[in-house]
Amino acid sequence: MAMKRKKKVKDKSEGTPEEIRLFNQLCEALRQAGIETRVEKGDFRGGICLVEGEKEILFINKKHPMPGRLALLIAELKKTAAGEELPAELQAQIDAWQAKN
C-alpha cells in the first residue's frame, strides 16, 4: 500500500532572502550589544525582557510574518545604545526596508 505524501506548505513567516539577511544582521547587532534574541511560539507580541534581573532577551513571536518580526527588531534596536552605533550599510538597509513597508 502506497503512502500519500503531504504537500509541504511554505511558511508565510519565512520572508524573502533580503528580509532573512536583514533579520540575521539585526539579531547580530543586538547580540553584540549583549541582548540575546529568541524566536518562540506563544500569544505575545514580543519585546525585550529582563531575565533574572540582569540578562536581556528579545523575544519574537514565531507566528508573526517576517515584516512584523523586522519591525519589532528595528523598534527594539532603536531603544538601545546599539541602535545609534549601527554601520552605515546596515542603517541604509533598514531605511530601504522601511521605505518599502
Protein backbone atom coordinates (compact mmCIF):
# COMPACT_ATOMS: atom_id res chain seq x y z
CA MET A 1 0.00 0.00 0.00
CA ALA A 2 1.48 3.29 -1.11
CA MET A 3 1.65 6.16 1.36
CA LYS A 4 0.45 9.54 0.28
CA ARG A 5 2.87 12.39 0.69
CA LYS A 6 1.65 15.61 2.16
CA LYS A 7 2.42 18.73 0.24
CA LYS A 8 4.90 20.91 2.02
CA VAL A 9 3.27 24.22 2.81
CA LYS A 10 5.60 27.18 2.66
CA ASP A 11 5.76 29.01 5.96
CA LYS A 12 4.45 32.53 5.34
CA SER A 13 6.68 33.86 8.10
CA GLU A 14 9.88 32.87 6.27
CA GLY A 15 10.22 36.08 4.27
CA THR A 16 12.31 36.94 1.25
CA PRO A 17 16.06 36.28 1.15
CA GLU A 18 16.67 40.01 1.69
CA GLU A 19 14.39 40.07 4.73
CA ILE A 20 16.07 36.99 6.20
CA ARG A 21 19.50 38.56 5.68
CA LEU A 22 18.37 41.80 7.36
CA PHE A 23 16.80 39.80 10.21
CA ASN A 24 20.09 37.98 10.83
CA GLN A 25 22.11 41.21 10.69
CA LEU A 26 19.79 42.89 13.19
CA CYS A 27 19.97 39.89 15.53
CA GLU A 28 23.77 40.04 15.30
CA ALA A 29 23.77 43.77 16.13
CA LEU A 30 21.66 43.05 19.21
CA ARG A 31 23.91 40.14 20.19
CA GLN A 32 26.94 42.42 20.03
CA ALA A 33 25.06 44.78 22.37
CA GLY A 34 24.61 41.90 24.83
CA ILE A 35 20.96 41.15 24.01
CA GLU A 36 20.03 37.59 23.13
CA THR A 37 17.30 37.06 20.51
CA ARG A 38 14.83 34.18 20.68
CA VAL A 39 12.05 33.28 18.25
CA GLU A 40 9.36 31.42 20.22
CA LYS A 41 5.74 30.38 19.75
CA GLY A 42 3.12 31.92 22.00
CA ASP A 43 0.44 34.52 22.47
CA PHE A 44 2.62 37.61 22.75
CA ARG A 45 3.78 40.48 20.55
CA GLY A 46 7.40 40.37 21.60
CA GLY A 47 9.98 42.69 23.01
CA ILE A 48 12.99 42.90 25.29
CA CYS A 49 12.63 41.31 28.71
CA LEU A 50 15.00 41.41 31.66
CA VAL A 51 15.54 37.83 32.86
CA GLU A 52 16.90 37.06 36.32
CA GLY A 53 17.44 40.76 36.88
CA GLU A 54 20.41 41.02 34.55
CA LYS A 55 20.13 39.20 31.20
CA GLU A 56 18.27 40.97 28.40
CA ILE A 57 16.45 38.77 25.89
CA LEU A 58 14.43 39.91 22.89
CA PHE A 59 11.50 37.55 22.35
CA ILE A 60 9.98 37.43 18.86
CA ASN A 61 6.74 35.58 18.12
CA LYS A 62 7.34 32.77 15.63
CA LYS A 63 3.73 33.06 14.41
CA HIS A 64 4.27 36.60 13.13
CA PRO A 65 5.23 37.14 9.49
CA MET A 66 8.74 38.36 8.71
CA PRO A 67 7.74 42.03 8.18
CA GLY A 68 6.31 42.10 11.72
CA ARG A 69 9.43 40.47 13.11
CA LEU A 70 11.66 43.01 11.35
CA ALA A 71 9.56 45.93 12.56
CA LEU A 72 9.86 44.66 16.14
CA LEU A 73 13.64 44.15 15.81
CA ILE A 74 14.14 47.64 14.40
CA ALA A 75 11.96 49.27 17.07
CA GLU A 76 13.72 47.45 19.92
CA LEU A 77 17.17 48.10 18.44
CA LYS A 78 16.45 51.83 18.29
CA LYS A 79 15.67 51.77 22.03
CA THR A 80 19.17 50.51 22.79
CA ALA A 81 22.52 52.26 22.58
CA ALA A 82 23.47 49.82 19.79
CA GLY A 83 20.81 51.43 17.59
CA GLU A 84 22.83 54.63 17.49
CA GLU A 85 26.06 52.87 16.54
CA LEU A 86 24.90 50.87 13.52
CA PRO A 87 27.18 50.62 10.49
CA ALA A 88 26.09 52.93 7.67
CA GLU A 89 25.44 49.97 5.36
CA LEU A 90 23.07 48.31 7.84
CA GLN A 91 21.30 51.61 8.52
CA ALA A 92 20.82 52.05 4.75
CA GLN A 93 19.28 48.56 4.53
CA ILE A 94 16.92 49.38 7.40
CA ASP A 95 15.90 52.66 5.74
CA ALA A 96 15.30 50.92 2.40
CA TRP A 97 13.21 48.19 4.06
CA GLN A 98 11.15 50.73 6.00
CA ALA A 99 10.53 52.75 2.82
CA LYS A 100 9.11 49.63 1.12
CA ASN A 101 6.96 48.68 4.10
